[in-house]
Amino acid sequence: MSFPITVTSQYLHYDCYGSGLMDANCSDTQQIYPVGVKVGTKEATLNCSKEYTPELNWTMIEFDRCCKPDPGDLCVGDYVNVGNPLNTFIFYEYCIGRSSCRILQVQRVDTLYLNCDQTLYYAQTTFMAMEYDCIDESKILTINANKGVSSEPGGSVHLQGHDYLVPSISSTITTSSCSIETPSCDSTISIEVLDLRLASDGSDCKQTVTILYGYRITNFTCVNNINFTRFTVGSEHNYLNVTFSNSMTSNGGHFWLGFRGTRSDVIRIDCPAKLPVTDCNFTTTTEPTTTTEIHTTTELDTTTYEVEMTTTELDTSTTVSDTTSIESLTTNSSPDKNSSQLNTTIIGVAANPTSPPEKTANEDFEENIEISQTDDAVGYEHKLTLRDDFVESIEANSRDMKKTKKKKRKKKKGLDLDDEIIDEENHRKIKKKKKKHGREIDETNDDHNLTTNDI
């Protein structure tokens, strides 16, 4: 049975071991996202049956007392298939992206695995429960869609690699991009990774999901795959570009990302990607003396990005060049299948097509995100590192610009001083001429007066 429980995870489906089924469902216009699967048992003093059958003719009260997990239950834990760990997530796989789960029987495990006192509890669990979300299909796009959708204020939008009614991503999808944007420059977008099971050919990863936000780019590869352990990445920007690259020769792989604004804004997703509607000027936190202007020379390719870089003087706030494609200066173009480090690059972001053709973009620091796994659960640690070579080049450019500006100021000051000297000399000559001319007039008047008196 399924009932609403909380705002974050809307529903709980539960049933008893025996004839019980895990057949959670949403409405026909929604998709299931499984949050967690639990197993457990009640205290033996409640006299619940170890196996449920319809012949028991339980009332709803009796059914809930024995089959529904309660906050006070102490013998409850995450479901793990101890005999075959690879099948632990079969309940997730049978439900994700569907309006109703493919039906599976309720499973049970030894309560010793849950550290239960078997003098108080049965030796085997007697119920199973799935907590799950119901997400509106109208807010979900697949990577190869040809449309856009917007959320409700404060709501979310979603991006999937494929329709989950088909087994996996088609090999015909090689490169596709979508854009996500909030209209407010004061808002940033939170990225929630709900499903990440990218495919390899057995030796090399053949799929990547690249998220471009601001001046940073993060690549997810097969080493970052998760077993339905959702996690969140903050972008610190109001515009994102997500690109999926696929070189599989057969169908395979899955991913599901959710996006939500940090303010109560409407958030929009478009596939294929569009340029930002809101032209937000990002200011730099580094010394505002130099910037790198990135000129578009090629369209986005799956492996190579060509960039022409020049140094110009920085204004108080800068934007990127007007372009319809995305460039990057890659720092690690080939994923290492033995490392869980996410590749990051410095990039330029497409700007408003009505903008002036020559704008500049502040080079930002690169971000490396390292994801580590523990034995019990998958954990993720975000680690920011600075590239020494990049910083040294920025500082060198800064010093060169300072020297150039200083020379210009000195040269200009010298020219101004020469002009002042020339102006002052000219003024003295004019004054001297005027004075001399005045004396000549006085002498002429004296001669005239003398002549008149003589007469």
Protein backbone atom coordinates (compact mmCIF):
# COMPACT_ATOMS: atom_id res chain seq x y z
CA MET A 1 0.00 0.00 0.00
CA SER A 2 1.13 3.58 -0.72
CA PHE A 3 0.47 6.64 1.42
CA PRO A 4 1.79 10.23 1.48
CA ILE A 5 4.28 10.81 4.30
CA THR A 6 6.49 13.92 3.94
CA VAL A 7 7.08 16.88 1.63
CA THR A 8 10.56 15.79 0.54
CA SER A 9 9.70 12.14 -0.13
CA GLN A 10 6.02 12.08 -0.83
CA TYR A 11 5.03 8.44 -0.57
CA LEU A 12 5.65 5.20 1.31
CA HIS A 13 4.72 1.80 -0.06
CA TYR A 14 4.81 -1.17 2.36
CA ASP A 15 3.71 -4.79 2.49
CA CYS A 16 4.35 -7.99 4.47
CA TYR A 17 6.52 -10.93 3.54
CA GLY A 18 4.56 -13.85 2.11
CA SER A 19 2.05 -12.80 -0.48
CA GLY A 20 2.98 -9.14 -0.20
CA LEU A 21 4.13 -7.25 -3.31
CA MET A 22 6.32 -4.22 -3.94
CA ASP A 23 4.14 -2.46 -6.52
CA ALA A 24 4.42 1.23 -5.64
CA ASN A 25 2.74 3.66 -8.01
CA CYS A 26 2.18 7.31 -8.85
CA SER A 27 -0.42 8.87 -11.10
CA ASP A 28 -0.24 8.23 -14.84
CA THR A 29 1.31 11.69 -15.37
CA GLN A 30 4.12 11.19 -12.84
CA GLN A 31 7.32 9.16 -12.53
CA ILE A 32 8.69 7.30 -9.52
CA TYR A 33 12.04 8.15 -8.05
CA PRO A 34 12.88 5.57 -5.31
CA VAL A 35 14.52 7.17 -2.27
CA GLY A 36 15.12 4.15 -0.07
CA VAL A 37 14.09 0.54 0.58
CA LYS A 38 13.79 -0.75 4.16
CA VAL A 39 13.14 -4.15 5.76
CA GLY A 40 12.23 -4.96 9.34
CA THR A 41 10.05 -6.80 11.79
CA LYS A 42 7.86 -6.05 14.78
CA GLU A 43 8.40 -7.26 18.32
CA ALA A 44 7.40 -10.90 18.71
CA THR A 45 4.95 -9.92 21.48
CA LEU A 46 2.65 -8.37 18.86
CA ASN A 47 1.99 -11.86 17.50
CA CYS A 48 2.28 -10.79 13.89
CA SER A 49 2.45 -13.66 11.44
CA LYS A 50 5.87 -14.49 10.06
CA GLU A 51 4.27 -14.85 6.63
CA TYR A 52 1.24 -12.90 5.46
CA THR A 53 -1.50 -14.60 3.45
CA PRO A 54 -4.95 -13.31 2.44
CA GLU A 55 -6.49 -16.14 4.43
CA LEU A 56 -5.53 -14.26 7.60
CA ASN A 57 -8.34 -11.80 6.84
CA TRP A 58 -6.57 -8.96 8.63
CA THR A 59 -8.33 -5.66 9.06
CA MET A 60 -6.51 -2.55 7.92
CA ILE A 61 -5.55 -1.82 11.53
CA GLU A 62 -4.04 -5.29 11.92
CA PHE A 63 -2.28 -5.00 8.59
CA ASP A 64 -0.68 -1.63 9.49
CA ARG A 65 0.30 -2.86 12.94
CA CYS A 66 2.30 -5.74 11.44
CA CYS A 67 3.39 -4.48 8.00
CA LYS A 68 3.86 -0.72 8.27
CA PRO A 69 7.16 0.67 9.64
CA ASP A 70 6.67 3.04 12.55
CA PRO A 71 9.09 5.63 13.96
CA GLY A 72 9.41 3.59 17.17
CA ASP A 73 10.44 0.36 15.42
CA LEU A 74 13.93 -0.73 16.46
CA CYS A 75 14.49 -3.70 14.16
CA VAL A 76 14.50 -1.87 10.80
CA GLY A 77 17.30 -1.17 8.29
CA ASP A 78 18.25 -0.72 4.66
CA TYR A 79 17.58 -3.68 2.43
CA VAL A 80 20.69 -5.55 1.25
CA ASN A 81 20.65 -8.79 -0.68
CA VAL A 82 23.27 -10.56 1.44
CA GLY A 83 23.42 -13.63 -0.79
CA ASN A 84 23.71 -11.61 -4.05
CA PRO A 85 24.74 -7.98 -3.43
CA LEU A 86 24.41 -7.12 -7.13
CA ASN A 87 20.65 -7.60 -6.80
CA THR A 88 20.37 -5.20 -3.84
CA PHE A 89 19.12 -2.37 -6.06
CA ILE A 90 16.65 -4.38 -8.12
CA PHE A 91 13.72 -2.63 -6.42
CA TYR A 92 15.11 0.75 -7.51
CA GLU A 93 15.68 -0.47 -11.06
CA TYR A 94 12.17 -1.89 -11.29
CA CYS A 95 10.55 1.39 -10.22
CA ILE A 96 12.67 4.37 -11.34
CA GLY A 97 11.17 6.53 -14.08
CA ARG A 98 7.88 4.61 -14.21
CA SER A 99 4.40 5.53 -13.09
CA SER A 100 4.14 2.11 -11.40
CA CYS A 101 6.78 -0.41 -10.40
CA ARG A 102 7.32 -3.70 -12.14
CA ILE A 103 5.98 -6.10 -9.56
CA LEU A 104 8.35 -7.90 -7.22
CA GLN A 105 7.71 -10.07 -4.18
CA VAL A 106 8.58 -8.69 -0.76
CA GLN A 107 11.97 -10.02 0.29
CA ARG A 108 13.30 -10.79 3.77
CA VAL A 109 16.72 -10.94 5.44
CA ASP A 110 18.14 -12.36 8.64
CA THR A 111 17.51 -9.94 11.53
CA LEU A 112 21.04 -10.55 12.80
CA TYR A 113 22.15 -8.48 9.80
CA LEU A 114 20.14 -5.60 11.31
CA ASN A 115 21.70 -6.20 14.75
CA CYS A 116 18.35 -7.14 16.22
CA ASP A 117 17.98 -9.06 19.46
CA GLN A 118 16.44 -12.31 18.30
CA THR A 119 15.10 -13.02 21.78
CA LEU A 120 12.73 -10.07 21.17
CA TYR A 121 12.29 -10.23 17.39
CA TYR A 122 11.73 -12.90 14.76
CA ALA A 123 14.82 -14.36 13.12
CA GLN A 124 13.67 -13.09 9.70
CA THR A 125 12.25 -9.71 8.70
CA THR A 126 8.51 -9.68 8.06
CA PHE A 127 7.89 -6.45 6.09
CA MET A 128 9.43 -4.27 3.41
CA ALA A 129 8.84 -0.59 2.61
CA MET A 130 9.90 1.80 -0.16
CA GLU A 131 10.01 5.56 0.28
CA TYR A 132 9.72 7.39 -3.06
CA ASP A 133 8.96 10.64 -4.86
CA CYS A 134 6.35 11.20 -7.54
CA ILE A 135 7.69 13.70 -10.09
CA ASP A 136 5.51 15.33 -12.74
CA GLU A 137 6.42 14.14 -16.23
CA SER A 138 5.69 17.66 -17.53
CA LYS A 139 8.84 18.86 -15.70
CA ILE A 140 11.12 16.16 -17.16
CA LEU A 141 13.03 16.24 -20.45
CA THR A 142 15.30 13.66 -22.05
CA ILE A 143 18.71 14.77 -23.36
CA ASN A 144 17.65 14.50 -27.02
CA ALA A 145 14.32 16.33 -26.60
CA ASN A 146 13.44 19.26 -28.82
CA LYS A 147 11.52 21.55 -26.49
CA GLY A 148 11.68 23.44 -23.20
CA VAL A 149 9.75 23.40 -19.93
CA SER A 150 9.58 25.68 -16.90
CA SER A 151 8.99 24.87 -13.25
CA GLU A 152 6.52 26.42 -10.88
CA PRO A 153 7.98 29.18 -8.65
CA GLY A 154 10.37 27.43 -6.27
CA GLY A 155 9.95 24.14 -8.13
CA SER A 156 12.40 21.95 -10.04
CA VAL A 157 13.02 20.61 -13.54
CA HIS A 158 14.68 17.33 -14.50
CA LEU A 159 16.91 15.91 -17.23
CA GLN A 160 17.16 12.20 -18.08
CA GLY A 161 19.43 10.31 -20.45
CA HIS A 162 16.48 8.33 -21.80
CA ASP A 163 12.87 7.43 -21.20
CA TYR A 164 13.02 4.81 -18.43
CA LEU A 165 10.34 2.78 -20.18
CA VAL A 166 13.14 1.68 -22.54
CA PRO A 167 16.09 -0.26 -21.08
CA SER A 168 18.90 2.30 -21.57
CA ILE A 169 20.37 5.16 -23.61
CA SER A 170 20.45 4.57 -27.35
CA SER A 171 23.83 4.37 -29.08
CA THR A 172 22.44 6.71 -31.75
CA ILE A 173 22.72 9.59 -29.26
CA THR A 174 26.33 10.73 -29.58
CA THR A 175 26.38 14.34 -28.35
CA SER A 176 23.46 16.36 -26.99
CA SER A 177 23.27 19.49 -24.86
CA CYS A 178 20.59 21.19 -22.77
CA SER A 179 20.57 24.52 -20.92
CA ILE A 180 19.07 25.37 -17.54
CA GLU A 181 18.48 28.95 -16.37
CA THR A 182 16.83 31.04 -13.67
CA PRO A 183 15.81 34.60 -14.60
CA SER A 184 17.44 36.22 -11.56
CA CYS A 185 21.16 36.97 -11.41
CA ASP A 186 20.87 36.76 -7.61
CA SER A 187 19.74 33.13 -7.81
CA THR A 188 21.98 30.11 -8.32
CA ILE A 189 21.10 26.61 -9.50
CA SER A 190 21.46 23.52 -7.34
CA ILE A 191 22.20 20.28 -9.22
CA GLU A 192 20.88 17.04 -7.74
CA VAL A 193 22.35 13.80 -9.12
CA LEU A 194 19.53 11.23 -8.82
CA ASP A 195 20.85 8.45 -11.05
CA LEU A 196 24.32 8.05 -12.57
CA ARG A 197 25.13 4.71 -14.18
CA LEU A 198 27.25 5.58 -17.21
CA ALA A 199 28.36 2.80 -19.55
CA SER A 200 31.76 1.40 -20.52
CA ASP A 201 32.87 -1.18 -23.07
CA GLY A 202 34.40 -3.31 -20.33
CA SER A 203 37.72 -1.48 -20.24
CA ASP A 204 37.12 2.20 -21.02
CA CYS A 205 34.30 4.58 -20.07
CA LYS A 206 32.38 5.56 -23.18
CA GLN A 207 29.98 8.12 -21.71
CA THR A 208 30.41 11.45 -19.92
CA VAL A 209 28.07 14.07 -18.53
CA THR A 210 29.62 17.53 -18.63
CA ILE A 211 28.09 20.34 -16.55
CA LEU A 212 29.24 23.83 -17.45
CA TYR A 213 28.48 26.55 -14.90
CA GLY A 214 29.90 30.05 -15.05
CA TYR A 215 33.60 29.67 -15.87
CA ARG A 216 33.88 26.08 -14.61
CA ILE A 217 33.13 22.72 -16.12
CA THR A 218 32.72 19.38 -14.34
CA ASN A 219 32.84 15.98 -16.03
CA PHE A 220 31.11 12.91 -14.63
CA THR A 221 32.47 9.62 -15.91
CA CYS A 222 31.94 5.94 -15.11
CA VAL A 223 34.11 6.12 -11.99
CA ASN A 224 31.54 8.51 -10.52
CA ASN A 225 28.63 6.08 -10.94
CA ILE A 226 26.35 5.84 -7.94
CA ASN A 227 23.99 3.11 -6.76
CA PHE A 228 20.95 5.36 -6.32
CA THR A 229 22.72 7.43 -3.67
CA ARG A 230 21.59 10.93 -4.54
CA PHE A 231 23.86 13.89 -3.90
CA THR A 232 23.84 17.62 -4.64
CA VAL A 233 26.32 19.93 -6.36
CA GLY A 234 26.09 23.72 -6.01
CA SER A 235 26.81 25.65 -9.22
CA GLU A 236 26.98 29.25 -7.92
CA HIS A 237 25.54 30.47 -11.22
CA ASN A 238 22.09 31.10 -12.71
CA TYR A 239 22.86 29.44 -16.08
CA LEU A 240 24.06 25.89 -16.76
CA ASN A 241 24.87 23.86 -19.85
CA VAL A 242 24.72 20.06 -19.64
CA THR A 243 26.32 18.02 -22.43
CA PHE A 244 26.10 14.24 -22.78
CA SER A 245 28.81 12.54 -24.88
CA ASN A 246 28.43 8.90 -25.93
CA SER A 247 30.75 6.67 -27.96
CA MET A 248 29.09 3.35 -27.11
CA THR A 249 28.45 1.13 -30.10
CA SER A 250 25.51 -0.51 -28.31
CA ASN A 251 22.74 0.76 -26.08
CA GLY A 252 23.59 1.35 -22.43
CA GLY A 253 23.86 3.79 -19.54
CA HIS A 254 21.49 5.89 -17.47
CA PHE A 255 21.46 9.31 -15.81
CA TRP A 256 18.91 11.57 -14.13
CA LEU A 257 19.65 15.10 -12.91
CA GLY A 258 17.37 17.51 -11.06
CA PHE A 259 17.73 21.32 -11.02
CA ARG A 260 16.32 23.83 -8.56
CA GLY A 261 16.95 27.54 -7.97
CA THR A 262 18.19 28.70 -4.58
CA ARG A 263 15.47 31.36 -4.54
CA SER A 264 11.75 30.91 -5.17
CA ASP A 265 12.29 31.46 -8.87
CA VAL A 266 10.95 29.77 -11.96
CA ILE A 267 13.67 27.57 -13.49
CA ARG A 268 13.67 26.61 -17.17
CA ILE A 269 15.29 23.79 -19.12
CA ASP A 270 15.70 23.75 -22.92
CA CYS A 271 16.91 20.93 -25.16
CA PRO A 272 18.88 21.57 -27.27
CA ALA A 273 20.73 24.22 -25.29
CA LYS A 274 19.94 27.91 -25.73
CA LEU A 275 21.95 31.03 -24.93
CA PRO A 276 21.19 32.79 -21.61
CA VAL A 277 18.10 34.95 -21.64
CA THR A 278 19.35 36.99 -18.69
CA ASP A 279 22.79 38.51 -19.34
CA CYS A 280 24.39 38.42 -15.90
CA ASN A 281 27.78 40.13 -15.59
CA PHE A 282 29.99 38.16 -13.24
CA THR A 283 32.57 40.21 -11.36
CA THR A 284 35.97 38.89 -10.40
CA THR A 285 37.35 38.39 -6.92
CA THR A 286 40.95 38.38 -8.15
CA GLU A 287 43.08 41.46 -8.85
CA PRO A 288 41.18 43.41 -11.55
CA THR A 289 44.05 44.18 -13.88
CA THR A 290 43.87 41.55 -16.63
CA THR A 291 41.33 39.33 -18.30
CA THR A 292 41.35 36.68 -21.00
CA GLU A 293 39.15 37.27 -24.03
CA ILE A 294 37.94 34.04 -25.61
CA HIS A 295 37.05 34.10 -29.32
CA THR A 296 34.88 31.39 -30.86
CA THR A 297 36.63 29.43 -33.60
CA THR A 298 34.82 26.09 -33.65
CA GLU A 299 31.52 24.60 -32.64
CA LEU A 300 31.32 22.31 -29.62
CA ASP A 301 32.89 18.92 -30.29
CA THR A 302 32.88 15.82 -28.12
CA THR A 303 36.63 15.79 -27.57
CA THR A 304 38.39 18.93 -28.82
CA TYR A 305 37.76 22.61 -28.10
CA GLU A 306 39.86 25.24 -29.91
CA VAL A 307 40.46 28.53 -28.14
CA GLU A 308 42.26 31.75 -29.14
CA MET A 309 43.38 33.73 -26.10
CA THR A 310 44.52 37.36 -25.86
CA THR A 311 45.17 39.65 -22.91
CA THR A 312 43.29 42.93 -22.56
CA GLU A 313 42.71 45.53 -19.86
CA LEU A 314 39.92 44.63 -17.44
CA ASP A 315 36.86 46.77 -16.77
CA THR A 316 35.02 46.78 -13.44
CA SER A 317 32.74 43.95 -14.57
CA THR A 318 33.03 41.71 -17.58
CA THR A 319 31.04 39.29 -19.67
CA VAL A 320 32.04 36.68 -22.20
CA SER A 321 32.25 37.00 -25.97
CA ASP A 322 29.10 36.79 -28.09
CA THR A 323 29.02 33.25 -29.43
CA THR A 324 26.73 30.34 -30.13
CA SER A 325 29.12 27.63 -29.03
CA ILE A 326 31.18 26.83 -25.98
CA GLU A 327 34.98 26.70 -25.74
CA SER A 328 37.20 25.28 -23.07
CA LEU A 329 40.85 25.08 -22.18
CA THR A 330 40.96 21.45 -21.12
CA THR A 331 43.17 20.27 -18.32
CA ASN A 332 42.34 16.56 -18.58
CA SER A 333 40.66 15.54 -21.82
CA SER A 334 40.68 11.79 -21.33
CA PRO A 335 38.94 10.26 -18.27
CA ASP A 336 41.04 7.98 -16.11
CA LYS A 337 39.03 4.89 -15.39
CA ASN A 338 41.10 4.21 -12.26
CA SER A 339 40.51 7.60 -10.68
CA SER A 340 37.35 9.03 -9.15
CA GLN A 341 38.42 12.62 -9.71
CA LEU A 342 36.06 14.73 -11.79
CA ASN A 343 37.77 16.54 -14.68
CA THR A 344 37.51 20.33 -14.59
CA THR A 345 38.40 23.05 -17.07
CA ILE A 346 38.39 26.82 -17.49
CA ILE A 347 35.78 27.83 -20.04
CA GLY A 348 33.96 30.68 -21.74
CA VAL A 349 30.16 30.84 -21.60
CA ALA A 350 27.88 31.78 -24.46
CA ALA A 351 26.41 35.27 -24.06
CA ASN A 352 23.36 37.18 -25.27
CA PRO A 353 23.36 37.31 -29.13
CA THR A 354 22.37 41.00 -29.03
CA SER A 355 25.48 41.86 -27.04
CA PRO A 356 28.42 43.74 -28.61
CA PRO A 357 30.70 41.28 -30.46
CA GLU A 358 33.76 41.96 -28.31
CA LYS A 359 33.34 41.27 -24.61
CA THR A 360 35.71 39.79 -22.08
CA ALA A 361 35.48 36.98 -19.55
CA ASN A 362 37.27 36.79 -16.21
CA GLU A 363 39.42 33.71 -15.83
CA ASP A 364 38.36 31.93 -12.68
CA PHE A 365 40.07 29.27 -10.67
CA GLU A 366 39.62 25.64 -11.64
CA GLU A 367 37.65 23.25 -9.55
CA ASN A 368 38.41 19.62 -8.91
CA ILE A 369 35.71 17.55 -7.29
CA GLU A 370 36.86 14.31 -5.79
CA ILE A 371 34.35 11.65 -4.98
CA SER A 372 35.32 8.87 -2.62
CA GLN A 373 33.42 5.76 -1.68
CA THR A 374 33.27 4.08 1.72
CA ASP A 375 32.35 0.45 2.50
CA ASP A 376 28.96 1.32 3.96
CA ALA A 377 27.77 4.10 1.66
CA VAL A 378 28.87 6.31 -1.13
CA GLY A 379 30.24 9.65 0.08
CA TYR A 380 31.32 12.62 -1.83
CA GLU A 381 33.88 15.22 -0.98
CA HIS A 382 34.21 18.41 -2.92
CA LYS A 383 37.74 19.73 -3.05
CA LEU A 384 38.81 23.00 -4.60
CA THR A 385 42.39 23.25 -5.84
CA LEU A 386 44.32 26.01 -7.54
CA ARG A 387 46.45 25.31 -10.59
CA ASP A 388 49.89 26.85 -9.93
CA ASP A 389 50.74 27.33 -13.58
CA PHE A 390 47.43 29.09 -14.24
CA VAL A 391 47.84 31.39 -11.25
CA GLU A 392 51.45 32.20 -12.19
CA SER A 393 50.40 33.12 -15.73
CA ILE A 394 47.65 35.39 -14.42
CA GLU A 395 50.08 37.06 -12.01
CA ALA A 396 52.67 37.49 -14.80
CA ASN A 397 50.07 39.08 -17.04
CA SER A 398 49.04 41.31 -14.16
CA ARG A 399 52.62 42.49 -13.60
CA ASP A 400 53.14 43.16 -17.33
CA MET A 401 49.95 45.18 -17.52
CA LYS A 402 50.95 47.20 -14.45
CA LYS A 403 54.35 48.00 -15.99
CA THR A 404 52.74 48.99 -19.30
CA LYS A 405 50.20 51.22 -17.59
CA LYS A 406 52.94 52.81 -15.45
CA LYS A 407 55.05 53.59 -18.54
CA LYS A 408 52.03 55.07 -20.27
CA ARG A 409 51.30 57.29 -17.26
CA LYS A 410 54.94 58.47 -17.11
CA LYS A 411 55.03 59.15 -20.84
CA LYS A 412 51.75 61.02 -20.74
CA LYS A 413 52.92 63.03 -17.72
CA GLY A 414 56.10 64.02 -19.61
CA LEU A 415 54.13 65.15 -22.64
CA ASP A 416 51.78 67.19 -20.48
CA LEU A 417 54.81 68.86 -18.81
CA ASP A 418 56.33 69.73 -22.21
CA ASP A 419 53.04 71.24 -23.30
CA GLU A 420 52.92 73.34 -20.14
CA ILE A 421 56.50 74.63 -20.76
CA ILE A 422 55.70 75.49 -24.38
CA ASP A 423 52.46 77.22 -23.38
CA GLU A 424 54.29 79.24 -20.70
CA GLU A 425 57.04 80.32 -23.18
CA ASN A 426 54.47 81.37 -25.74
CA HIS A 427 52.62 83.31 -23.08
CA ARG A 428 55.82 85.19 -22.11
CA LYS A 429 56.56 86.07 -25.78
CA ILE A 430 53.04 87.34 -26.36
CA LYS A 431 53.16 89.38 -23.17
CA LYS A 432 56.56 90.84 -24.17
CA LYS A 433 55.25 91.76 -27.61
CA LYS A 434 52.21 93.41 -26.09
CA LYS A 435 54.42 95.36 -23.68
CA LYS A 436 56.75 96.45 -26.49
CA HIS A 437 53.83 97.42 -28.66
CA GLY A 438 52.46 99.51 -25.80
CA ARG A 439 55.75 101.41 -25.48
CA GLU A 440 55.75 102.15 -29.22
CA ILE A 441 52.27 103.59 -28.98
CA ASP A 442 53.33 105.79 -26.05
CA GLU A 443 56.36 107.12 -27.99
CA THR A 444 54.18 107.87 -31.01
CA ASN A 445 51.76 109.83 -28.82
CA ASP A 446 54.65 111.81 -27.28
CA ASP A 447 55.97 112.75 -30.74
CA HIS A 448 52.48 113.83 -31.77
CA ASN A 449 52.07 115.99 -28.66
CA LEU A 450 55.51 117.55 -29.17
CA THR A 451 54.70 118.46 -32.76
CA THR A 452 51.42 120.05 -31.75
CA ASN A 453 53.03 122.16 -29.04
CA ASP A 454 55.71 123.33 -31.43
CA ILE A 455 53.05 124.51 -33.81
